């Protein structure tokens, strides 16, 4: 749905409701990664819906999904500011414990061959979640939107309201950090 023209407040709420339902999983997942727990994520998605339906004159020019996720992101950032937490160091222990496997599976596929391979895959998933948690929010949100939610660079730029070059740069830096963190032995041999 490229453009959502708002005709009346009832039409607006219906269309926003349909849009929110179509992309509810992505919105909730983004909220969990940014806020660190299910309850805050659910509250932020609800706040985003209220904001979206309250802006009767607003338009989603271009990508409606990006417009919706931008509202969710802004609500998450507002919650972080209100709670006085540092955006760069959001603890995601609850997400890792409850949803880390699902999120990690989107990036590191599961291995079902031998017990040793399963153990190694679990250790890599735990390391990935821990290192993703340690990333500054500006890298983590780009990685989640691209590699977990599969948004295009243009969609991410729309969500984050930044140039596409900045998206690509942050994605590259975030991935480079994760690669270094996931392969510490390679870093020591490369330095020799």
N, C-alpha and C. Protein backbone atom coordinates (compact mmCIF):
# COMPACT_ATOMS: atom_id res chain seq x y z
N UNK A 1 0.86 -1.16 0.00
CA UNK A 1 0.00 0.00 0.00
C UNK A 1 0.91 1.24 0.00
N UNK A 2 1.16 1.86 -1.15
CA UNK A 2 2.11 2.96 -1.21
C UNK A 2 1.64 4.24 -0.56
N UNK A 3 0.37 4.59 -0.67
CA UNK A 3 -0.11 5.85 -0.10
C UNK A 3 -1.40 5.58 0.66
N UNK A 4 -1.49 6.15 1.84
CA UNK A 4 -2.71 6.01 2.63
C UNK A 4 -3.39 7.38 2.72
N UNK A 5 -4.32 7.67 1.81
CA UNK A 5 -5.01 8.95 1.91
C UNK A 5 -6.07 8.86 3.00
N UNK A 6 -6.04 9.80 3.94
CA UNK A 6 -6.99 9.77 5.05
C UNK A 6 -8.21 10.60 4.67
N UNK A 7 -9.37 9.94 4.55
CA UNK A 7 -10.59 10.62 4.15
C UNK A 7 -11.41 11.04 5.35
N UNK A 8 -11.60 10.15 6.28
CA UNK A 8 -12.33 10.48 7.49
C UNK A 8 -11.63 9.79 8.65
N UNK A 9 -11.98 10.19 9.85
CA UNK A 9 -11.30 9.58 11.00
C UNK A 9 -11.64 8.10 11.12
N UNK A 10 -12.85 7.69 10.76
CA UNK A 10 -13.21 6.27 10.82
C UNK A 10 -12.44 5.49 9.76
N UNK A 11 -12.36 6.03 8.54
CA UNK A 11 -11.58 5.37 7.49
C UNK A 11 -10.12 5.30 7.89
N UNK A 12 -9.64 6.38 8.48
CA UNK A 12 -8.25 6.45 8.91
C UNK A 12 -7.95 5.36 9.93
N UNK A 13 -8.76 5.23 10.94
CA UNK A 13 -8.54 4.21 11.97
C UNK A 13 -8.60 2.81 11.37
N UNK A 14 -9.53 2.57 10.45
CA UNK A 14 -9.63 1.25 9.83
C UNK A 14 -8.38 0.91 9.02
N UNK A 15 -7.92 1.87 8.22
CA UNK A 15 -6.73 1.62 7.39
C UNK A 15 -5.48 1.48 8.25
N UNK A 16 -5.37 2.30 9.27
CA UNK A 16 -4.21 2.19 10.16
C UNK A 16 -4.28 0.88 10.92
N UNK A 17 -5.46 0.48 11.33
CA UNK A 17 -5.61 -0.80 12.01
C UNK A 17 -5.20 -1.97 11.14
N UNK A 18 -5.60 -1.94 9.87
CA UNK A 18 -5.20 -3.00 8.94
C UNK A 18 -3.69 -3.00 8.73
N UNK A 19 -3.12 -1.81 8.57
CA UNK A 19 -1.68 -1.69 8.39
C UNK A 19 -0.94 -2.22 9.63
N UNK A 20 -1.40 -1.82 10.80
CA UNK A 20 -0.76 -2.26 12.05
C UNK A 20 -0.85 -3.77 12.20
N UNK A 21 -1.98 -4.35 11.87
CA UNK A 21 -2.13 -5.81 11.97
C UNK A 21 -1.20 -6.54 11.01
N UNK A 22 -1.09 -6.04 9.78
CA UNK A 22 -0.22 -6.68 8.79
C UNK A 22 1.23 -6.70 9.25
N UNK A 23 1.64 -5.66 9.96
CA UNK A 23 3.05 -5.53 10.35
C UNK A 23 3.24 -5.55 11.87
N UNK A 24 2.31 -6.18 12.56
CA UNK A 24 2.37 -6.24 14.02
C UNK A 24 3.60 -6.99 14.51
N UNK A 25 3.92 -8.12 13.90
CA UNK A 25 5.08 -8.89 14.34
C UNK A 25 6.37 -8.08 14.19
N UNK A 26 6.51 -7.39 13.06
CA UNK A 26 7.71 -6.57 12.83
C UNK A 26 7.77 -5.43 13.84
N UNK A 27 6.65 -4.80 14.11
CA UNK A 27 6.61 -3.69 15.06
C UNK A 27 6.96 -4.17 16.47
N UNK A 28 6.39 -5.27 16.86
CA UNK A 28 6.64 -5.83 18.18
C UNK A 28 8.09 -6.29 18.32
N UNK A 29 8.60 -6.93 17.29
CA UNK A 29 9.99 -7.40 17.30
C UNK A 29 10.95 -6.22 17.41
N UNK A 30 10.71 -5.16 16.66
CA UNK A 30 11.54 -3.96 16.74
C UNK A 30 11.48 -3.38 18.16
N UNK A 31 10.30 -3.33 18.71
CA UNK A 31 10.13 -2.82 20.07
C UNK A 31 10.89 -3.63 21.10
N UNK A 32 10.85 -4.96 20.97
CA UNK A 32 11.59 -5.83 21.90
C UNK A 32 13.08 -5.58 21.82
N UNK A 33 13.61 -5.44 20.62
CA UNK A 33 15.05 -5.24 20.48
C UNK A 33 15.48 -3.87 20.97
N UNK A 34 14.63 -2.88 20.81
CA UNK A 34 15.00 -1.54 21.25
C UNK A 34 14.77 -1.33 22.74
N UNK A 35 13.71 -1.91 23.28
CA UNK A 35 13.35 -1.64 24.67
C UNK A 35 13.81 -2.72 25.64
N UNK A 36 13.97 -3.93 25.18
CA UNK A 36 14.53 -4.96 26.02
C UNK A 36 13.55 -5.88 26.70
N UNK A 37 12.25 -5.65 26.58
CA UNK A 37 11.32 -6.60 27.19
C UNK A 37 9.96 -6.53 26.50
N UNK A 38 9.19 -7.59 26.73
CA UNK A 38 7.90 -7.75 26.05
C UNK A 38 6.88 -6.69 26.44
N UNK A 39 6.80 -6.40 27.74
CA UNK A 39 5.78 -5.46 28.21
C UNK A 39 6.00 -4.06 27.64
N UNK A 40 7.24 -3.57 27.68
CA UNK A 40 7.52 -2.25 27.13
C UNK A 40 7.29 -2.23 25.62
N UNK A 41 7.65 -3.31 24.95
CA UNK A 41 7.43 -3.38 23.50
C UNK A 41 5.94 -3.32 23.17
N UNK A 42 5.14 -4.07 23.90
CA UNK A 42 3.69 -4.05 23.66
C UNK A 42 3.11 -2.67 23.92
N UNK A 43 3.58 -2.02 24.99
CA UNK A 43 3.10 -0.67 25.29
C UNK A 43 3.51 0.31 24.19
N UNK A 44 4.72 0.19 23.68
CA UNK A 44 5.19 1.09 22.63
C UNK A 44 4.40 0.90 21.34
N UNK A 45 4.08 -0.34 21.00
CA UNK A 45 3.28 -0.60 19.80
C UNK A 45 1.89 -0.03 19.97
N UNK A 46 1.34 -0.16 21.16
CA UNK A 46 0.03 0.43 21.43
C UNK A 46 0.10 1.95 21.31
N UNK A 47 1.14 2.56 21.91
CA UNK A 47 1.31 4.00 21.80
C UNK A 47 1.42 4.44 20.34
N UNK A 48 2.14 3.65 19.55
CA UNK A 48 2.30 3.96 18.12
C UNK A 48 0.95 3.93 17.41
N UNK A 49 0.13 2.95 17.74
CA UNK A 49 -1.19 2.86 17.12
C UNK A 49 -2.03 4.09 17.48
N UNK A 50 -1.99 4.47 18.75
CA UNK A 50 -2.75 5.65 19.19
C UNK A 50 -2.25 6.90 18.48
N UNK A 51 -0.93 7.04 18.37
CA UNK A 51 -0.37 8.19 17.66
C UNK A 51 -0.78 8.20 16.19
N UNK A 52 -0.69 7.04 15.57
CA UNK A 52 -1.02 6.95 14.14
C UNK A 52 -2.49 7.29 13.89
N UNK A 53 -3.38 6.78 14.73
CA UNK A 53 -4.80 7.07 14.52
C UNK A 53 -5.15 8.49 14.92
N UNK A 54 -4.35 9.09 15.80
CA UNK A 54 -4.60 10.46 16.22
C UNK A 54 -4.12 11.50 15.23
N UNK A 55 -3.33 11.09 14.28
CA UNK A 55 -2.83 12.04 13.28
C UNK A 55 -3.67 11.93 12.02
N UNK A 56 -4.89 12.44 12.10
CA UNK A 56 -5.85 12.28 11.01
C UNK A 56 -5.40 12.96 9.73
N UNK A 57 -4.56 13.98 9.82
CA UNK A 57 -4.11 14.66 8.61
C UNK A 57 -2.84 14.07 8.05
N UNK A 58 -2.28 13.07 8.71
CA UNK A 58 -1.00 12.51 8.29
C UNK A 58 -1.17 11.63 7.07
N UNK A 59 -0.08 11.51 6.35
CA UNK A 59 -0.06 10.65 5.17
C UNK A 59 1.18 9.78 5.22
N UNK A 60 1.02 8.59 4.73
CA UNK A 60 2.17 7.69 4.60
C UNK A 60 2.57 7.69 3.15
N UNK A 61 3.29 8.72 2.71
CA UNK A 61 3.74 8.77 1.33
C UNK A 61 4.86 7.76 1.15
N UNK A 62 4.75 6.96 0.12
CA UNK A 62 5.77 5.95 -0.12
C UNK A 62 5.40 4.64 0.53
N UNK A 63 6.24 4.16 1.40
CA UNK A 63 6.08 2.84 1.98
C UNK A 63 5.33 2.91 3.31
N UNK A 64 4.15 2.35 3.35
CA UNK A 64 3.32 2.40 4.55
C UNK A 64 3.94 1.61 5.70
N UNK A 65 4.60 0.50 5.37
CA UNK A 65 5.26 -0.30 6.41
C UNK A 65 6.36 0.51 7.08
N UNK A 66 7.16 1.21 6.29
CA UNK A 66 8.23 2.04 6.85
C UNK A 66 7.64 3.16 7.70
N UNK A 67 6.54 3.74 7.25
CA UNK A 67 5.87 4.81 8.00
C UNK A 67 5.44 4.29 9.37
N UNK A 68 4.82 3.11 9.39
CA UNK A 68 4.34 2.51 10.63
C UNK A 68 5.51 2.17 11.55
N UNK A 69 6.56 1.55 11.03
CA UNK A 69 7.71 1.19 11.86
C UNK A 69 8.45 2.43 12.37
N UNK A 70 8.43 3.51 11.61
CA UNK A 70 9.03 4.76 12.09
C UNK A 70 8.27 5.28 13.31
N UNK A 71 6.96 5.18 13.29
CA UNK A 71 6.17 5.60 14.44
C UNK A 71 6.47 4.71 15.64
N UNK A 72 6.56 3.41 15.41
CA UNK A 72 6.89 2.47 16.50
C UNK A 72 8.26 2.81 17.07
N UNK A 73 9.23 3.02 16.20
CA UNK A 73 10.59 3.36 16.66
C UNK A 73 10.57 4.64 17.49
N UNK A 74 9.88 5.65 17.02
CA UNK A 74 9.81 6.92 17.77
C UNK A 74 9.17 6.73 19.14
N UNK A 75 8.16 5.89 19.21
CA UNK A 75 7.53 5.60 20.50
C UNK A 75 8.50 4.86 21.42
N UNK A 76 9.28 3.95 20.86
CA UNK A 76 10.29 3.24 21.66
C UNK A 76 11.34 4.21 22.19
N UNK A 77 11.82 5.10 21.34
CA UNK A 77 12.83 6.06 21.76
C UNK A 77 12.27 7.02 22.80
N UNK A 78 11.01 7.40 22.66
CA UNK A 78 10.37 8.26 23.66
C UNK A 78 10.29 7.54 25.00
N UNK A 79 9.98 6.25 24.98
CA UNK A 79 9.93 5.48 26.23
C UNK A 79 11.31 5.39 26.87
N UNK A 80 12.33 5.19 26.07
CA UNK A 80 13.69 5.14 26.61
C UNK A 80 14.05 6.48 27.25
N UNK A 81 13.71 7.57 26.58
CA UNK A 81 13.99 8.89 27.15
C UNK A 81 13.23 9.10 28.44
N UNK A 82 11.98 8.71 28.46
CA UNK A 82 11.14 8.90 29.65
C UNK A 82 11.66 8.06 30.82
N UNK A 83 12.22 6.90 30.53
CA UNK A 83 12.73 6.03 31.58
C UNK A 83 14.14 6.40 31.98
N UNK A 84 14.75 7.31 31.24
CA UNK A 84 16.09 7.77 31.58
C UNK A 84 17.17 6.75 31.30
N UNK A 85 16.90 5.81 30.41
CA UNK A 85 17.89 4.80 30.10
C UNK A 85 18.76 5.26 28.94
N UNK A 86 19.99 4.82 28.93
CA UNK A 86 20.91 5.11 27.85
C UNK A 86 20.54 4.22 26.66
N UNK A 87 20.24 4.83 25.53
CA UNK A 87 19.83 4.09 24.35
C UNK A 87 20.91 3.13 23.86
N UNK A 88 22.15 3.43 24.13
CA UNK A 88 23.22 2.58 23.62
C UNK A 88 23.41 1.32 24.45
N UNK A 89 22.87 1.26 25.64
CA UNK A 89 23.12 0.13 26.53
C UNK A 89 21.84 -0.46 27.06
N UNK A 90 20.88 -0.71 26.20
CA UNK A 90 19.62 -1.32 26.63
C UNK A 90 19.87 -2.79 26.89
N UNK A 91 19.51 -3.25 28.09
CA UNK A 91 19.68 -4.65 28.44
C UNK A 91 18.60 -5.46 27.77
N UNK A 92 19.00 -6.50 27.07
CA UNK A 92 18.04 -7.34 26.36
C UNK A 92 18.05 -8.76 26.91
N UNK A 93 18.32 -8.90 28.20
CA UNK A 93 18.39 -10.22 28.79
C UNK A 93 17.06 -10.96 28.66
N UNK A 94 15.96 -10.26 28.86
CA UNK A 94 14.66 -10.92 28.73
C UNK A 94 14.41 -11.34 27.29
N UNK A 95 14.78 -10.49 26.34
CA UNK A 95 14.60 -10.83 24.93
C UNK A 95 15.46 -12.04 24.59
N UNK A 96 16.70 -12.03 25.02
CA UNK A 96 17.60 -13.14 24.72
C UNK A 96 17.08 -14.43 25.35
N UNK A 97 16.59 -14.33 26.58
CA UNK A 97 16.11 -15.52 27.26
C UNK A 97 14.85 -16.08 26.65
N UNK A 98 13.94 -15.20 26.30
CA UNK A 98 12.64 -15.66 25.82
C UNK A 98 12.55 -15.72 24.31
N UNK A 99 13.22 -14.79 23.61
CA UNK A 99 13.06 -14.69 22.16
C UNK A 99 14.38 -14.70 21.41
N UNK A 100 15.47 -14.89 22.09
CA UNK A 100 16.77 -14.85 21.45
C UNK A 100 16.94 -15.89 20.36
N UNK A 101 16.44 -17.08 20.62
CA UNK A 101 16.57 -18.14 19.63
C UNK A 101 15.86 -17.78 18.34
N UNK A 102 14.63 -17.29 18.42
CA UNK A 102 13.89 -16.92 17.22
C UNK A 102 14.60 -15.82 16.45
N UNK A 103 15.05 -14.81 17.15
CA UNK A 103 15.74 -13.71 16.50
C UNK A 103 17.08 -14.18 15.94
N UNK A 104 17.78 -14.98 16.69
CA UNK A 104 19.08 -15.47 16.23
C UNK A 104 18.91 -16.41 15.05
N UNK A 105 17.85 -17.21 15.03
CA UNK A 105 17.62 -18.10 13.90
C UNK A 105 17.45 -17.35 12.59
N UNK A 106 16.97 -16.11 12.67
CA UNK A 106 16.82 -15.32 11.46
C UNK A 106 18.18 -14.96 10.88
N UNK A 107 19.21 -14.94 11.73
CA UNK A 107 20.55 -14.57 11.26
C UNK A 107 21.45 -15.79 11.16
N UNK A 108 21.42 -16.66 12.16
CA UNK A 108 22.24 -17.87 12.18
C UNK A 108 21.30 -19.07 12.10
N UNK A 109 21.24 -19.75 10.96
CA UNK A 109 20.31 -20.87 10.84
C UNK A 109 20.64 -22.00 11.81
N UNK A 110 19.60 -22.70 12.19
CA UNK A 110 19.76 -23.82 13.12
C UNK A 110 20.47 -24.98 12.44
N UNK A 111 21.21 -25.73 13.21
CA UNK A 111 21.91 -26.92 12.71
C UNK A 111 21.32 -28.12 13.43
N UNK A 112 20.87 -29.11 12.69
CA UNK A 112 20.23 -30.27 13.30
C UNK A 112 20.95 -31.58 12.98
N UNK A 113 22.26 -31.54 12.77
CA UNK A 113 22.97 -32.75 12.39
C UNK A 113 23.40 -33.56 13.62
N UNK A 114 24.47 -33.17 14.25
CA UNK A 114 24.97 -33.95 15.38
C UNK A 114 24.84 -33.14 16.66
N UNK A 115 25.03 -33.83 17.77
CA UNK A 115 24.93 -33.15 19.07
C UNK A 115 25.99 -32.08 19.19
N UNK A 116 27.20 -32.34 18.72
CA UNK A 116 28.27 -31.33 18.79
C UNK A 116 27.92 -30.09 17.96
N UNK A 117 27.35 -30.32 16.79
CA UNK A 117 26.96 -29.18 15.94
C UNK A 117 25.84 -28.38 16.58
N UNK A 118 24.90 -29.07 17.24
CA UNK A 118 23.80 -28.36 17.91
C UNK A 118 24.34 -27.53 19.07
N UNK A 119 25.27 -28.10 19.83
CA UNK A 119 25.85 -27.36 20.95
C UNK A 119 26.61 -26.15 20.44
N UNK A 120 27.39 -26.35 19.39
CA UNK A 120 28.14 -25.22 18.81
C UNK A 120 27.19 -24.15 18.28
N UNK A 121 26.10 -24.56 17.63
CA UNK A 121 25.13 -23.59 17.11
C UNK A 121 24.48 -22.81 18.25
N UNK A 122 24.16 -23.49 19.35
CA UNK A 122 23.58 -22.81 20.51
C UNK A 122 24.55 -21.80 21.10
N UNK A 123 25.83 -22.19 21.18
CA UNK A 123 26.83 -21.27 21.71
C UNK A 123 26.99 -20.05 20.80
N UNK A 124 26.94 -20.27 19.48
CA UNK A 124 27.05 -19.15 18.53
C UNK A 124 25.82 -18.24 18.64
N UNK A 125 24.64 -18.82 18.81
CA UNK A 125 23.42 -18.01 18.97
C UNK A 125 23.52 -17.15 20.22
N UNK A 126 23.97 -17.76 21.33
CA UNK A 126 24.10 -17.01 22.58
C UNK A 126 25.11 -15.88 22.43
N UNK A 127 26.22 -16.17 21.76
CA UNK A 127 27.24 -15.15 21.51
C UNK A 127 26.67 -14.04 20.62
N UNK A 128 25.92 -14.42 19.59
CA UNK A 128 25.33 -13.43 18.69
C UNK A 128 24.37 -12.52 19.44
N UNK A 129 23.50 -13.09 20.25
CA UNK A 129 22.54 -12.28 21.01
C UNK A 129 23.28 -11.35 21.97
N UNK A 130 24.31 -11.88 22.64
CA UNK A 130 25.08 -11.06 23.57
C UNK A 130 25.78 -9.91 22.85
N UNK A 131 26.38 -10.19 21.72
CA UNK A 131 27.09 -9.14 20.97
C UNK A 131 26.12 -8.16 20.32
N UNK A 132 24.98 -8.64 19.87
CA UNK A 132 23.96 -7.74 19.33
C UNK A 132 23.45 -6.82 20.42
N UNK A 133 23.31 -7.35 21.62
CA UNK A 133 22.87 -6.57 22.77
C UNK A 133 23.89 -5.47 23.10
N UNK A 134 25.16 -5.75 22.90
CA UNK A 134 26.21 -4.79 23.22
C UNK A 134 26.37 -3.68 22.18
N UNK A 135 25.84 -3.89 21.00
CA UNK A 135 25.97 -2.88 19.96
C UNK A 135 25.26 -1.59 20.36
N UNK A 136 25.79 -0.45 19.98
CA UNK A 136 25.03 0.79 20.17
C UNK A 136 23.70 0.70 19.42
N UNK A 137 22.69 1.36 19.92
CA UNK A 137 21.34 1.27 19.35
C UNK A 137 21.31 1.62 17.87
N UNK A 138 22.12 2.59 17.44
CA UNK A 138 22.07 2.99 16.03
C UNK A 138 22.52 1.87 15.09
N UNK A 139 23.39 0.97 15.55
CA UNK A 139 23.78 -0.18 14.74
C UNK A 139 22.79 -1.32 14.92
N UNK A 140 22.38 -1.55 16.17
CA UNK A 140 21.47 -2.66 16.46
C UNK A 140 20.14 -2.51 15.71
N UNK A 141 19.57 -1.29 15.71
CA UNK A 141 18.27 -1.14 15.05
C UNK A 141 18.37 -1.34 13.55
N UNK A 142 19.48 -0.92 12.93
CA UNK A 142 19.66 -1.13 11.49
C UNK A 142 19.80 -2.61 11.19
N UNK A 143 20.58 -3.32 12.01
CA UNK A 143 20.74 -4.77 11.81
C UNK A 143 19.43 -5.52 11.99
N UNK A 144 18.67 -5.16 13.00
CA UNK A 144 17.39 -5.84 13.24
C UNK A 144 16.43 -5.58 12.07
N UNK A 145 16.35 -4.33 11.63
CA UNK A 145 15.44 -4.01 10.53
C UNK A 145 15.84 -4.71 9.23
N UNK A 146 17.13 -4.83 8.97
CA UNK A 146 17.60 -5.44 7.73
C UNK A 146 17.64 -6.96 7.82
N UNK A 147 18.33 -7.50 8.82
CA UNK A 147 18.60 -8.93 8.85
C UNK A 147 17.52 -9.76 9.53
N UNK A 148 16.74 -9.16 10.40
CA UNK A 148 15.66 -9.90 11.05
C UNK A 148 14.33 -9.60 10.37
N UNK A 149 14.05 -8.31 10.13
CA UNK A 149 12.76 -7.92 9.54
C UNK A 149 12.80 -7.84 8.01
N UNK A 150 13.99 -7.94 7.42
CA UNK A 150 14.18 -7.99 5.97
C UNK A 150 13.67 -6.74 5.24
N UNK A 151 13.84 -5.58 5.85
CA UNK A 151 13.48 -4.33 5.17
C UNK A 151 14.58 -3.97 4.18
N UNK A 152 14.21 -3.29 3.12
CA UNK A 152 15.19 -2.81 2.15
C UNK A 152 15.93 -1.61 2.73
N UNK A 153 17.04 -1.24 2.10
CA UNK A 153 17.78 -0.07 2.56
C UNK A 153 16.88 1.17 2.53
N UNK A 154 16.09 1.32 1.49
CA UNK A 154 15.20 2.47 1.36
C UNK A 154 14.18 2.48 2.49
N UNK A 155 13.61 1.32 2.81
CA UNK A 155 12.63 1.24 3.89
C UNK A 155 13.27 1.60 5.23
N UNK A 156 14.49 1.12 5.46
CA UNK A 156 15.18 1.44 6.71
C UNK A 156 15.45 2.93 6.77
N UNK A 157 15.88 3.51 5.66
CA UNK A 157 16.13 4.96 5.62
C UNK A 157 14.86 5.72 5.94
N UNK A 158 13.73 5.25 5.44
CA UNK A 158 12.45 5.90 5.73
C UNK A 158 12.07 5.75 7.21
N UNK A 159 12.28 4.56 7.77
CA UNK A 159 11.94 4.33 9.17
C UNK A 159 12.80 5.21 10.07
N UNK A 160 14.09 5.25 9.81
CA UNK A 160 15.03 5.96 10.67
C UNK A 160 15.19 7.43 10.29
N UNK A 161 14.58 7.82 9.20
CA UNK A 161 14.62 9.20 8.72
C UNK A 161 16.06 9.67 8.57
N UNK A 162 16.81 8.93 7.74
CA UNK A 162 18.20 9.26 7.49
C UNK A 162 18.54 8.89 6.05
N UNK A 163 19.63 9.44 5.55
CA UNK A 163 20.03 9.10 4.17
C UNK A 163 20.35 7.61 4.04
N UNK A 164 20.15 7.08 2.85
CA UNK A 164 20.39 5.67 2.61
C UNK A 164 21.86 5.33 2.80
N UNK A 165 22.76 6.27 2.51
CA UNK A 165 24.19 6.04 2.72
C UNK A 165 24.52 5.82 4.18
N UNK A 166 23.84 6.53 5.06
CA UNK A 166 24.05 6.35 6.50
C UNK A 166 23.57 4.96 6.93
N UNK A 167 22.45 4.52 6.36
CA UNK A 167 21.94 3.17 6.65
C UNK A 167 22.98 2.14 6.25
N UNK A 168 23.51 2.27 5.03
CA UNK A 168 24.49 1.29 4.56
C UNK A 168 25.75 1.32 5.41
N UNK A 169 26.18 2.50 5.80
CA UNK A 169 27.38 2.64 6.63
C UNK A 169 27.17 1.99 7.99
N UNK A 170 26.04 2.28 8.63
CA UNK A 170 25.76 1.70 9.95
C UNK A 170 25.60 0.18 9.86
N UNK A 171 24.98 -0.28 8.80
CA UNK A 171 24.82 -1.72 8.62
C UNK A 171 26.19 -2.38 8.45
N UNK A 172 27.04 -1.78 7.67
CA UNK A 172 28.38 -2.31 7.46
C UNK A 172 29.18 -2.33 8.76
N UNK A 173 29.14 -1.25 9.50
CA UNK A 173 29.88 -1.19 10.77
C UNK A 173 29.32 -2.16 11.80
N UNK A 174 27.99 -2.25 11.87
CA UNK A 174 27.38 -3.19 12.81
C UNK A 174 27.72 -4.63 12.47
N UNK A 175 27.66 -4.98 11.19
CA UNK A 175 28.00 -6.33 10.77
C UNK A 175 29.48 -6.62 11.03
N UNK A 176 30.34 -5.65 10.74
CA UNK A 176 31.78 -5.84 10.97
C UNK A 176 32.05 -6.12 12.45
N UNK A 177 31.36 -5.38 13.32
CA UNK A 177 31.53 -5.62 14.75
C UNK A 177 31.09 -7.03 15.12
N UNK A 178 29.94 -7.45 14.59
CA UNK A 178 29.46 -8.79 14.91
C UNK A 178 30.39 -9.87 14.37
N UNK A 179 30.92 -9.67 13.16
CA UNK A 179 31.85 -10.64 12.59
C UNK A 179 33.09 -10.76 13.47
N UNK A 180 33.65 -9.62 13.90
CA UNK A 180 34.83 -9.64 14.78
C UNK A 180 34.50 -10.34 16.09
N UNK A 181 33.33 -10.04 16.64
CA UNK A 181 32.95 -10.63 17.93
C UNK A 181 32.68 -12.13 17.79
N UNK A 182 32.16 -12.55 16.67
CA UNK A 182 31.83 -13.95 16.47
C UNK A 182 33.04 -14.79 16.09
N UNK A 183 34.11 -14.16 15.63
CA UNK A 183 35.31 -14.87 15.20
C UNK A 183 36.56 -14.29 15.86
N UNK A 184 36.66 -14.35 17.19
CA UNK A 184 37.80 -13.73 17.86
C UNK A 184 39.14 -14.35 17.46
N UNK A 185 39.19 -15.63 17.14
CA UNK A 185 40.44 -16.28 16.76
C UNK A 185 40.95 -15.73 15.43
N UNK A 186 40.05 -15.43 14.52
CA UNK A 186 40.43 -14.88 13.21
C UNK A 186 41.09 -13.52 13.38
N UNK A 187 40.58 -12.72 14.32
CA UNK A 187 41.13 -11.39 14.55
C UNK A 187 42.58 -11.46 15.02
N UNK A 188 42.91 -12.43 15.86
CA UNK A 188 44.27 -12.55 16.35
C UNK A 188 45.20 -13.07 15.27
N UNK A 189 44.72 -13.97 14.40
CA UNK A 189 45.58 -14.48 13.34
C UNK A 189 45.75 -13.46 12.22
N UNK A 190 44.72 -12.62 11.98
CA UNK A 190 44.82 -11.59 10.96
C UNK A 190 45.82 -10.51 11.36
N UNK A 191 45.96 -10.29 12.66
CA UNK A 191 46.85 -9.24 13.14
C UNK A 191 48.31 -9.64 13.10
N UNK A 192 48.62 -10.90 12.84
CA UNK A 192 50.00 -11.37 12.81
C UNK A 192 50.65 -11.16 11.48
